[in-house]
C-alpha atoms as a PDB file:
ATOM      1  CA  MET A   1       0.000   0.000   0.000  1.00  0.00           C
ATOM      2  CA  THR A   2       1.322   3.427  -0.948  1.00  0.00           C
ATOM      3  CA  LYS A   3       1.287   5.950   1.850  1.00  0.00           C
ATOM      4  CA  PRO A   4      -0.849   9.026   1.211  1.00  0.00           C
ATOM      5  CA  ARG A   5       0.775  12.335   0.203  1.00  0.00           C
ATOM      6  CA  LEU A   6       0.282  14.831   3.010  1.00  0.00           C
ATOM      7  CA  LEU A   7      -0.093  18.595   3.193  1.00  0.00           C
ATOM      8  CA  LEU A   8       0.229  19.979   6.717  1.00  0.00           C
ATOM      9  CA  VAL A   9      -1.109  23.447   7.535  1.00  0.00           C
ATOM     10  CA  ASP A  10      -0.270  25.075  10.874  1.00  0.00           C
ATOM     11  CA  ASP A  11       0.789  28.591  11.846  1.00  0.00           C
ATOM     12  CA  ASP A  12       2.950  27.175  14.667  1.00  0.00           C
ATOM     13  CA  LYS A  13       6.248  26.610  12.834  1.00  0.00           C
ATOM     14  CA  ASP A  14       7.770  24.452  15.587  1.00  0.00           C
ATOM     15  CA  ALA A  15       4.736  22.150  15.722  1.00  0.00           C
ATOM     16  CA  LEU A  16       4.636  22.000  11.915  1.00  0.00           C
ATOM     17  CA  ASP A  17       8.337  21.177  11.579  1.00  0.00           C
ATOM     18  CA  GLY A  18       8.165  18.549  14.330  1.00  0.00           C
ATOM     19  CA  LEU A  19       5.231  16.754  12.747  1.00  0.00           C
ATOM     20  CA  ILE A  20       6.805  16.927   9.285  1.00  0.00           C
ATOM     21  CA  ASN A  21       9.996  15.325  10.613  1.00  0.00           C
ATOM     22  CA  ILE A  22       8.117  12.512  12.385  1.00  0.00           C
ATOM     23  CA  LEU A  23       5.978  11.709   9.364  1.00  0.00           C
ATOM     24  CA  ARG A  24       8.905  11.830   6.916  1.00  0.00           C
ATOM     25  CA  ARG A  25      10.829   9.389   9.125  1.00  0.00           C
ATOM     26  CA  ASP A  26       7.841   7.068   8.778  1.00  0.00           C
ATOM     27  CA  GLY A  27       8.038   7.228   4.983  1.00  0.00           C
ATOM     28  CA  TYR A  28       5.341   9.786   4.189  1.00  0.00           C
ATOM     29  CA  GLN A  29       5.714  12.386   1.445  1.00  0.00           C
ATOM     30  CA  VAL A  30       5.001  15.579   3.389  1.00  0.00           C
ATOM     31  CA  ALA A  31       4.809  19.265   2.548  1.00  0.00           C
ATOM     32  CA  GLY A  32       4.105  21.888   5.163  1.00  0.00           C
ATOM     33  CA  VAL A  33       2.824  25.459   4.999  1.00  0.00           C
ATOM     34  CA  LEU A  34       2.091  28.131   7.588  1.00  0.00           C
ATOM     35  CA  SER A  35      -1.260  29.461   6.314  1.00  0.00           C
ATOM     36  CA  GLY A  36      -4.462  28.611   4.519  1.00  0.00           C
ATOM     37  CA  ASN A  37      -3.523  30.836   1.593  1.00  0.00           C
ATOM     38  CA  GLU A  38      -0.215  29.012   1.181  1.00  0.00           C
ATOM     39  CA  ALA A  39      -2.088  25.701   1.310  1.00  0.00           C
ATOM     40  CA  LEU A  40      -4.448  26.729  -1.504  1.00  0.00           C
ATOM     41  CA  ASN A  41      -1.444  27.873  -3.547  1.00  0.00           C
ATOM     42  CA  PHE A  42       0.254  24.499  -3.012  1.00  0.00           C
ATOM     43  CA  LEU A  43      -2.941  22.657  -3.963  1.00  0.00           C
ATOM     44  CA  SER A  44      -3.083  24.486  -7.282  1.00  0.00           C
ATOM     45  CA  LYS A  45       0.384  23.133  -8.143  1.00  0.00           C
ATOM     46  CA  LYS A  46       0.498  19.646  -6.587  1.00  0.00           C
ATOM     47  CA  SER A  47      -1.965  16.973  -5.581  1.00  0.00           C
ATOM     48  CA  PHE A  48      -2.269  15.578  -2.072  1.00  0.00           C
ATOM     49  CA  ASP A  49      -4.275  12.727  -0.609  1.00  0.00           C
ATOM     50  CA  VAL A  50      -4.617  14.201   2.885  1.00  0.00           C
ATOM     51  CA  ILE A  51      -4.648  17.696   4.341  1.00  0.00           C
ATOM     52  CA  ILE A  52      -3.935  18.009   8.040  1.00  0.00           C
ATOM     53  CA  THR A  53      -4.889  21.489   9.183  1.00  0.00           C
ATOM     54  CA  ASP A  54      -5.082  23.534  12.325  1.00  0.00           C
ATOM     55  CA  LEU A  55      -8.298  25.529  12.781  1.00  0.00           C
ATOM     56  CA  ASN A  56      -7.254  28.747  14.498  1.00  0.00           C
ATOM     57  CA  MET A  57      -4.757  30.501  12.269  1.00  0.00           C
ATOM     58  CA  PRO A  58      -4.301  34.168  11.434  1.00  0.00           C
ATOM     59  CA  GLY A  59      -5.652  35.170   8.050  1.00  0.00           C
ATOM     60  CA  MET A  60      -7.643  32.246   6.736  1.00  0.00           C
ATOM     61  CA  HIS A  61      -9.342  30.123   9.421  1.00  0.00           C
ATOM     62  CA  GLY A  62      -8.999  26.367   9.032  1.00  0.00           C
ATOM     63  CA  LEU A  63     -12.740  25.910   8.385  1.00  0.00           C
ATOM     64  CA  THR A  64     -12.519  28.437   5.527  1.00  0.00           C
ATOM     65  CA  LEU A  65      -9.563  26.510   4.089  1.00  0.00           C
ATOM     66  CA  ILE A  66     -11.523  23.260   4.308  1.00  0.00           C
ATOM     67  CA  HIS A  67     -14.508  24.859   2.601  1.00  0.00           C
ATOM     68  CA  GLU A  68     -12.270  26.119  -0.240  1.00  0.00           C
ATOM     69  CA  VAL A  69     -10.684  22.679  -0.610  1.00  0.00           C
ATOM     70  CA  ARG A  70     -14.093  20.988  -0.783  1.00  0.00           C
ATOM     71  CA  LYS A  71     -15.241  23.421  -3.489  1.00  0.00           C
ATOM     72  CA  ARG A  72     -12.522  21.926  -5.719  1.00  0.00           C
ATOM     73  CA  LYS A  73     -14.313  18.552  -5.631  1.00  0.00           C
ATOM     74  CA  GLU A  74     -11.046  16.676  -5.265  1.00  0.00           C
ATOM     75  CA  PRO A  75     -10.922  13.413  -3.286  1.00  0.00           C
ATOM     76  CA  ILE A  76      -8.869  14.760  -0.382  1.00  0.00           C
ATOM     77  CA  VAL A  77      -9.174  13.447   3.157  1.00  0.00           C
ATOM     78  CA  VAL A  78      -9.244  16.341   5.636  1.00  0.00           C
ATOM     79  CA  VAL A  79      -7.910  15.940   9.167  1.00  0.00           C
ATOM     80  CA  VAL A  80      -8.509  18.789  11.597  1.00  0.00           C
ATOM     81  CA  VAL A  81      -5.947  19.115  14.395  1.00  0.00           C
ATOM     82  CA  THR A  82      -6.470  21.841  16.965  1.00  0.00           C
ATOM     83  CA  ALA A  83      -5.461  22.804  20.474  1.00  0.00           C
ATOM     84  CA  ASN A  84      -8.680  24.765  20.900  1.00  0.00           C
ATOM     85  CA  ARG A  85     -11.113  22.533  22.738  1.00  0.00           C
ATOM     86  CA  SER A  86     -13.729  25.199  23.242  1.00  0.00           C
ATOM     87  CA  VAL A  87     -17.329  24.169  22.764  1.00  0.00           C
ATOM     88  CA  LYS A  88     -17.802  26.852  20.079  1.00  0.00           C
ATOM     89  CA  THR A  89     -14.878  25.545  18.009  1.00  0.00           C
ATOM     90  CA  VAL A  90     -16.031  21.941  18.253  1.00  0.00           C
ATOM     91  CA  VAL A  91     -19.639  22.854  17.420  1.00  0.00           C
ATOM     92  CA  ASN A  92     -18.568  24.939  14.406  1.00  0.00           C
ATOM     93  CA  ALA A  93     -16.324  22.142  13.168  1.00  0.00           C
ATOM     94  CA  GLU A  94     -19.107  19.597  13.679  1.00  0.00           C
ATOM     95  CA  LYS A  95     -21.604  21.777  11.810  1.00  0.00           C
ATOM     96  CA  SER A  96     -19.331  22.101   8.801  1.00  0.00           C
ATOM     97  CA  LYS A  97     -19.057  18.315   8.290  1.00  0.00           C
ATOM     98  CA  GLU A  98     -16.505  19.084   5.614  1.00  0.00           C
ATOM     99  CA  TYR A  99     -13.683  17.370   7.463  1.00  0.00           C
ATOM    100  CA  ASP A 100     -13.157  13.616   7.815  1.00  0.00           C
ATOM    101  CA  TYR A 101     -11.279  13.340  11.117  1.00  0.00           C
ATOM    102  CA  TYR A 102     -10.870  15.572  14.186  1.00  0.00           C
ATOM    103  CA  LEU A 103      -7.840  15.279  16.492  1.00  0.00           C
ATOM    104  CA  THR A 104      -6.701  17.444  19.390  1.00  0.00           C
ATOM    105  CA  LYS A 105      -3.256  18.815  20.172  1.00  0.00           C
ATOM    106  CA  PRO A 106      -0.862  17.735  21.353  1.00  0.00           C
ATOM    107  CA  VAL A 107      -1.152  15.215  18.540  1.00  0.00           C
ATOM    108  CA  ASN A 108      -1.083  11.587  19.556  1.00  0.00           C
ATOM    109  CA  ILE A 109       1.220  10.247  16.833  1.00  0.00           C
ATOM    110  CA  GLU A 110      -0.177   6.711  16.970  1.00  0.00           C
ATOM    111  CA  GLU A 111      -3.733   8.049  16.611  1.00  0.00           C
ATOM    112  CA  LEU A 112      -2.641  10.195  13.662  1.00  0.00           C
ATOM    113  CA  LYS A 113      -0.905   7.242  12.004  1.00  0.00           C
ATOM    114  CA  SER A 114      -4.086   5.196  12.408  1.00  0.00           C
ATOM    115  CA  VAL A 115      -6.072   7.944  10.676  1.00  0.00           C
ATOM    116  CA  LEU A 116      -3.473   8.157   7.901  1.00  0.00           C
ATOM    117  CA  GLU A 117      -3.589   4.386   7.411  1.00  0.00           C
ATOM    118  CA  LYS A 118      -7.376   4.599   6.950  1.00  0.00           C
ATOM    119  CA  ALA A 119      -6.925   7.546   4.576  1.00  0.00           C
ATOM    120  CA  GLY A 120      -4.375   5.569   2.573  1.00  0.00           C
ATOM    121  CA  LYS A 121      -7.015   2.899   2.039  1.00  0.00           C
ATOM    122  CA  GLY A 122      -9.486   5.529   0.874  1.00  0.00           C
ATOM    123  CA  GLY A 123     -11.344   5.380   4.154  1.00  0.00           C
ATOM    124  CA  LYS A 124     -13.195   8.324   5.571  1.00  0.00           C
ATOM    125  CA  ASN A 125     -14.784   8.704   8.948  1.00  0.00           C
ATOM    126  CA  GLU A 126     -18.409   8.846   7.824  1.00  0.00           C
END
């Protein structure tokens, strides 16, 4: 089974770099960007199987990014990863239903790998 190509989006450079390094060591093809706008730019040039995005970022919010990605009608699995556990954030994310998986920070690497394995098999969390 080929591992999915990943695009990570997080405004926290240290968290982004750390996750990129872990996933690359595990054999994933990973690109990382610091904003939603950069992510959309990347998506216009390359294809990815999975987007892993933070929600609360300056500029474009993660839910806006997800909405823009879904408008493209591409078969991309979306994983939301956020440190914000507020009820409002969770409710807004739940209402959107445009993402496939929801994880909280700090990221449990084994949980993330499990999600990525499902994504690699074309599985979504329906």
